[in-house]
């Protein structure tokens, strides 16, 4: 995964924990998951709203 090993991931997680604090991590994770889900949905080309003209 991008050449990151376990020690690098632990260091990155520790830095994120210090910067944002333990209380904000679930909110950040939820927002990150929603953004990835929306990106996947948009890249598939599916539209939630039908904009075809009615004859």
PDB file of N, CA and C in Angstrom:
ATOM      1  N   UNK A   1       0.841  -1.170   0.000  1.00  0.00           N
ATOM      2  CA  UNK A   1       0.000   0.000   0.000  1.00  0.00           C
ATOM      3  C   UNK A   1       0.890   1.238   0.000  1.00  0.00           C
ATOM      4  N   UNK A   2       1.216   1.747  -1.117  1.00  0.00           N
ATOM      5  CA  UNK A   2       2.009   2.950  -1.300  1.00  0.00           C
ATOM      6  C   UNK A   2       3.382   2.852  -0.641  1.00  0.00           C
ATOM      7  N   UNK A   3       3.863   1.663  -0.369  1.00  0.00           N
ATOM      8  CA  UNK A   3       5.177   1.488   0.222  1.00  0.00           C
ATOM      9  C   UNK A   3       5.221   1.784   1.717  1.00  0.00           C
ATOM     10  N   UNK A   4       4.054   1.927   2.366  1.00  0.00           N
ATOM     11  CA  UNK A   4       4.028   2.173   3.805  1.00  0.00           C
ATOM     12  C   UNK A   4       4.049   0.848   4.532  1.00  0.00           C
ATOM     13  N   UNK A   5       4.916   0.761   5.519  1.00  0.00           N
ATOM     14  CA  UNK A   5       4.933  -0.411   6.372  1.00  0.00           C
ATOM     15  C   UNK A   5       4.199  -0.118   7.669  1.00  0.00           C
ATOM     16  N   UNK A   6       4.194  -1.073   8.551  1.00  0.00           N
ATOM     17  CA  UNK A   6       3.513  -0.916   9.828  1.00  0.00           C
ATOM     18  C   UNK A   6       4.100   0.223  10.672  1.00  0.00           C
ATOM     19  N   UNK A   7       5.408   0.369  10.758  1.00  0.00           N
ATOM     20  CA  UNK A   7       5.942   1.476  11.568  1.00  0.00           C
ATOM     21  C   UNK A   7       5.534   2.855  11.047  1.00  0.00           C
ATOM     22  N   UNK A   8       5.514   3.024   9.741  1.00  0.00           N
ATOM     23  CA  UNK A   8       5.118   4.314   9.169  1.00  0.00           C
ATOM     24  C   UNK A   8       3.658   4.619   9.451  1.00  0.00           C
ATOM     25  N   UNK A   9       2.791   3.591   9.324  1.00  0.00           N
ATOM     26  CA  UNK A   9       1.368   3.787   9.591  1.00  0.00           C
ATOM     27  C   UNK A   9       1.108   4.125  11.059  1.00  0.00           C
ATOM     28  N   UNK A  10       1.871   3.518  11.967  1.00  0.00           N
ATOM     29  CA  UNK A  10       1.720   3.810  13.390  1.00  0.00           C
ATOM     30  C   UNK A  10       2.133   5.250  13.678  1.00  0.00           C
ATOM     31  N   UNK A  11       3.214   5.709  13.065  1.00  0.00           N
ATOM     32  CA  UNK A  11       3.667   7.090  13.256  1.00  0.00           C
ATOM     33  C   UNK A  11       2.634   8.069  12.711  1.00  0.00           C
ATOM     34  N   UNK A  12       2.087   7.796  11.534  1.00  0.00           N
ATOM     35  CA  UNK A  12       1.069   8.672  10.944  1.00  0.00           C
ATOM     36  C   UNK A  12      -0.171   8.706  11.830  1.00  0.00           C
ATOM     37  N   UNK A  13      -0.608   7.561  12.332  1.00  0.00           N
ATOM     38  CA  UNK A  13      -1.768   7.510  13.215  1.00  0.00           C
ATOM     39  C   UNK A  13      -1.515   8.288  14.503  1.00  0.00           C
ATOM     40  N   UNK A  14      -0.308   8.194  15.064  1.00  0.00           N
ATOM     41  CA  UNK A  14       0.025   8.934  16.282  1.00  0.00           C
ATOM     42  C   UNK A  14      -0.004  10.438  16.029  1.00  0.00           C
ATOM     43  N   UNK A  15       0.489  10.889  14.892  1.00  0.00           N
ATOM     44  CA  UNK A  15       0.473  12.314  14.554  1.00  0.00           C
ATOM     45  C   UNK A  15      -0.964  12.799  14.407  1.00  0.00           C
ATOM     46  N   UNK A  16      -1.807  12.020  13.724  1.00  0.00           N
ATOM     47  CA  UNK A  16      -3.212  12.391  13.558  1.00  0.00           C
ATOM     48  C   UNK A  16      -3.911  12.450  14.908  1.00  0.00           C
ATOM     49  N   UNK A  17      -3.596  11.512  15.792  1.00  0.00           N
ATOM     50  CA  UNK A  17      -4.206  11.493  17.116  1.00  0.00           C
ATOM     51  C   UNK A  17      -3.810  12.727  17.919  1.00  0.00           C
ATOM     52  N   UNK A  18      -2.558  13.150  17.815  1.00  0.00           N
ATOM     53  CA  UNK A  18      -2.099  14.339  18.543  1.00  0.00           C
ATOM     54  C   UNK A  18      -2.746  15.596  17.975  1.00  0.00           C
ATOM     55  N   UNK A  19      -2.851  15.690  16.650  1.00  0.00           N
ATOM     56  CA  UNK A  19      -3.375  16.901  16.024  1.00  0.00           C
ATOM     57  C   UNK A  19      -4.868  17.047  16.266  1.00  0.00           C
ATOM     58  N   UNK A  20      -5.646  16.002  16.066  1.00  0.00           N
ATOM     59  CA  UNK A  20      -7.098  16.106  16.134  1.00  0.00           C
ATOM     60  C   UNK A  20      -7.680  15.688  17.480  1.00  0.00           C
ATOM     61  N   UNK A  21      -7.011  14.875  18.210  1.00  0.00           N
ATOM     62  CA  UNK A  21      -7.538  14.398  19.487  1.00  0.00           C
ATOM     63  C   UNK A  21      -8.401  13.159  19.301  1.00  0.00           C
ATOM     64  N   UNK A  22      -8.572  12.426  20.373  1.00  0.00           N
ATOM     65  CA  UNK A  22      -9.301  11.159  20.296  1.00  0.00           C
ATOM     66  C   UNK A  22     -10.791  11.361  20.062  1.00  0.00           C
ATOM     67  N   UNK A  23     -11.356  12.481  20.494  1.00  0.00           N
ATOM     68  CA  UNK A  23     -12.788  12.714  20.352  1.00  0.00           C
ATOM     69  C   UNK A  23     -13.214  12.969  18.921  1.00  0.00           C
ATOM     70  N   UNK A  24     -12.335  13.534  18.106  1.00  0.00           N
ATOM     71  CA  UNK A  24     -12.687  13.894  16.730  1.00  0.00           C
ATOM     72  C   UNK A  24     -12.441  12.765  15.729  1.00  0.00           C
ATOM     73  N   UNK A  25     -11.702  11.751  16.111  1.00  0.00           N
ATOM     74  CA  UNK A  25     -11.364  10.690  15.159  1.00  0.00           C
ATOM     75  C   UNK A  25     -12.583   9.971  14.579  1.00  0.00           C
ATOM     76  N   UNK A  26     -13.609   9.625  15.350  1.00  0.00           N
ATOM     77  CA  UNK A  26     -14.787   8.985  14.732  1.00  0.00           C
ATOM     78  C   UNK A  26     -15.490   9.886  13.729  1.00  0.00           C
ATOM     79  N   UNK A  27     -15.558  11.188  14.022  1.00  0.00           N
ATOM     80  CA  UNK A  27     -16.186  12.113  13.081  1.00  0.00           C
ATOM     81  C   UNK A  27     -15.383  12.217  11.790  1.00  0.00           C
ATOM     82  N   UNK A  28     -14.076  12.268  11.912  1.00  0.00           N
ATOM     83  CA  UNK A  28     -13.211  12.358  10.733  1.00  0.00           C
ATOM     84  C   UNK A  28     -13.320  11.078   9.909  1.00  0.00           C
ATOM     85  N   UNK A  29     -13.330   9.925  10.582  1.00  0.00           N
ATOM     86  CA  UNK A  29     -13.469   8.655   9.873  1.00  0.00           C
ATOM     87  C   UNK A  29     -14.795   8.538   9.148  1.00  0.00           C
ATOM     88  N   UNK A  30     -15.871   8.989   9.789  1.00  0.00           N
ATOM     89  CA  UNK A  30     -17.192   8.951   9.154  1.00  0.00           C
ATOM     90  C   UNK A  30     -17.258   9.856   7.938  1.00  0.00           C
ATOM     91  N   UNK A  31     -16.703  11.046   8.063  1.00  0.00           N
ATOM     92  CA  UNK A  31     -16.708  11.979   6.932  1.00  0.00           C
ATOM     93  C   UNK A  31     -15.850  11.441   5.786  1.00  0.00           C
ATOM     94  N   UNK A  32     -14.731  10.818   6.125  1.00  0.00           N
ATOM     95  CA  UNK A  32     -13.863  10.240   5.102  1.00  0.00           C
ATOM     96  C   UNK A  32     -14.558   9.093   4.378  1.00  0.00           C
ATOM     97  N   UNK A  33     -15.268   8.251   5.115  1.00  0.00           N
ATOM     98  CA  UNK A  33     -16.011   7.143   4.510  1.00  0.00           C
ATOM     99  C   UNK A  33     -17.127   7.627   3.600  1.00  0.00           C
ATOM    100  N   UNK A  34     -17.848   8.668   4.031  1.00  0.00           N
ATOM    101  CA  UNK A  34     -18.915   9.223   3.199  1.00  0.00           C
ATOM    102  C   UNK A  34     -18.356   9.827   1.919  1.00  0.00           C
ATOM    103  N   UNK A  35     -17.216  10.499   2.028  1.00  0.00           N
ATOM    104  CA  UNK A  35     -16.647  11.108   0.824  1.00  0.00           C
ATOM    105  C   UNK A  35     -16.175  10.050  -0.160  1.00  0.00           C
ATOM    106  N   UNK A  36     -15.601   8.971   0.323  1.00  0.00           N
ATOM    107  CA  UNK A  36     -15.178   7.878  -0.565  1.00  0.00           C
ATOM    108  C   UNK A  36     -16.400   7.231  -1.217  1.00  0.00           C
ATOM    109  N   UNK A  37     -17.475   7.022  -0.441  1.00  0.00           N
ATOM    110  CA  UNK A  37     -18.699   6.429  -0.979  1.00  0.00           C
ATOM    111  C   UNK A  37     -19.300   7.315  -2.064  1.00  0.00           C
ATOM    112  N   UNK A  38     -19.350   8.619  -1.817  1.00  0.00           N
ATOM    113  CA  UNK A  38     -19.884   9.542  -2.817  1.00  0.00           C
ATOM    114  C   UNK A  38     -19.012   9.593  -4.060  1.00  0.00           C
ATOM    115  N   UNK A  39     -17.702   9.524  -3.884  1.00  0.00           N
ATOM    116  CA  UNK A  39     -16.801   9.522  -5.033  1.00  0.00           C
ATOM    117  C   UNK A  39     -17.004   8.276  -5.885  1.00  0.00           C
ATOM    118  N   UNK A  40     -17.140   7.114  -5.247  1.00  0.00           N
ATOM    119  CA  UNK A  40     -17.375   5.875  -5.993  1.00  0.00           C
ATOM    120  C   UNK A  40     -18.695   5.932  -6.744  1.00  0.00           C
ATOM    121  N   UNK A  41     -19.727   6.471  -6.083  1.00  0.00           N
ATOM    122  CA  UNK A  41     -21.032   6.571  -6.718  1.00  0.00           C
ATOM    123  C   UNK A  41     -20.970   7.515  -7.919  1.00  0.00           C
ATOM    124  N   UNK A  42     -20.257   8.616  -7.792  1.00  0.00           N
ATOM    125  CA  UNK A  42     -20.146   9.578  -8.888  1.00  0.00           C
ATOM    126  C   UNK A  42     -19.303   9.018 -10.034  1.00  0.00           C
ATOM    127  N   UNK A  43     -18.288   8.236  -9.723  1.00  0.00           N
ATOM    128  CA  UNK A  43     -17.437   7.697 -10.783  1.00  0.00           C
ATOM    129  C   UNK A  43     -18.131   6.585 -11.570  1.00  0.00           C
ATOM    130  N   UNK A  44     -19.141   5.942 -10.978  1.00  0.00           N
ATOM    131  CA  UNK A  44     -19.892   4.915 -11.691  1.00  0.00           C
ATOM    132  C   UNK A  44     -20.842   5.528 -12.703  1.00  0.00           C
ATOM    133  N   UNK A  45     -21.148   6.796 -12.552  1.00  0.00           N
ATOM    134  CA  UNK A  45     -22.015   7.471 -13.496  1.00  0.00           C
ATOM    135  C   UNK A  45     -23.483   7.366 -13.173  1.00  0.00           C
ATOM    136  N   UNK A  46     -23.821   6.786 -12.031  1.00  0.00           N
ATOM    137  CA  UNK A  46     -25.221   6.699 -11.642  1.00  0.00           C
ATOM    138  C   UNK A  46     -25.695   8.051 -11.145  1.00  0.00           C
ATOM    139  N   UNK A  47     -26.889   8.392 -11.531  1.00  0.00           N
ATOM    140  CA  UNK A  47     -27.495   9.640 -11.077  1.00  0.00           C
ATOM    141  C   UNK A  47     -28.670   9.315 -10.173  1.00  0.00           C
ATOM    142  N   UNK A  48     -28.789  10.014  -9.067  1.00  0.00           N
ATOM    143  CA  UNK A  48     -29.934   9.813  -8.190  1.00  0.00           C
ATOM    144  C   UNK A  48     -31.170  10.549  -8.705  1.00  0.00           C
ATOM    145  N   UNK A  49     -30.953  11.583  -9.478  1.00  0.00           N
ATOM    146  CA  UNK A  49     -32.052  12.390  -9.990  1.00  0.00           C
ATOM    147  C   UNK A  49     -32.145  12.167 -11.496  1.00  0.00           C
ATOM    148  N   UNK A  50     -33.338  11.870 -11.966  1.00  0.00           N
ATOM    149  CA  UNK A  50     -33.560  11.670 -13.393  1.00  0.00           C
ATOM    150  C   UNK A  50     -33.813  13.033 -14.028  1.00  0.00           C
ATOM    151  N   UNK A  51     -32.941  13.436 -14.977  1.00  0.00           N
ATOM    152  CA  UNK A  51     -33.071  14.757 -15.601  1.00  0.00           C
ATOM    153  C   UNK A  51     -33.469  14.653 -17.074  1.00  0.00           C
ATOM    154  N   UNK A  52     -33.935  13.482 -17.506  1.00  0.00           N
ATOM    155  CA  UNK A  52     -34.343  13.334 -18.897  1.00  0.00           C
ATOM    156  C   UNK A  52     -35.661  14.066 -19.109  1.00  0.00           C
ATOM    157  N   UNK A  53     -35.787  14.786 -20.243  1.00  0.00           N
ATOM    158  CA  UNK A  53     -37.029  15.520 -20.502  1.00  0.00           C
ATOM    159  C   UNK A  53     -38.188  14.569 -20.789  1.00  0.00           C
ATOM    160  N   UNK A  54     -39.369  14.935 -20.321  1.00  0.00           N
ATOM    161  CA  UNK A  54     -40.557  14.113 -20.546  1.00  0.00           C
ATOM    162  C   UNK A  54     -41.295  14.669 -21.757  1.00  0.00           C
ATOM    163  N   UNK A  55     -41.661  13.762 -22.646  1.00  0.00           N
ATOM    164  CA  UNK A  55     -42.342  14.183 -23.876  1.00  0.00           C
ATOM    165  C   UNK A  55     -43.838  14.156 -23.730  1.00  0.00           C
TER     166      UNK A  55
END
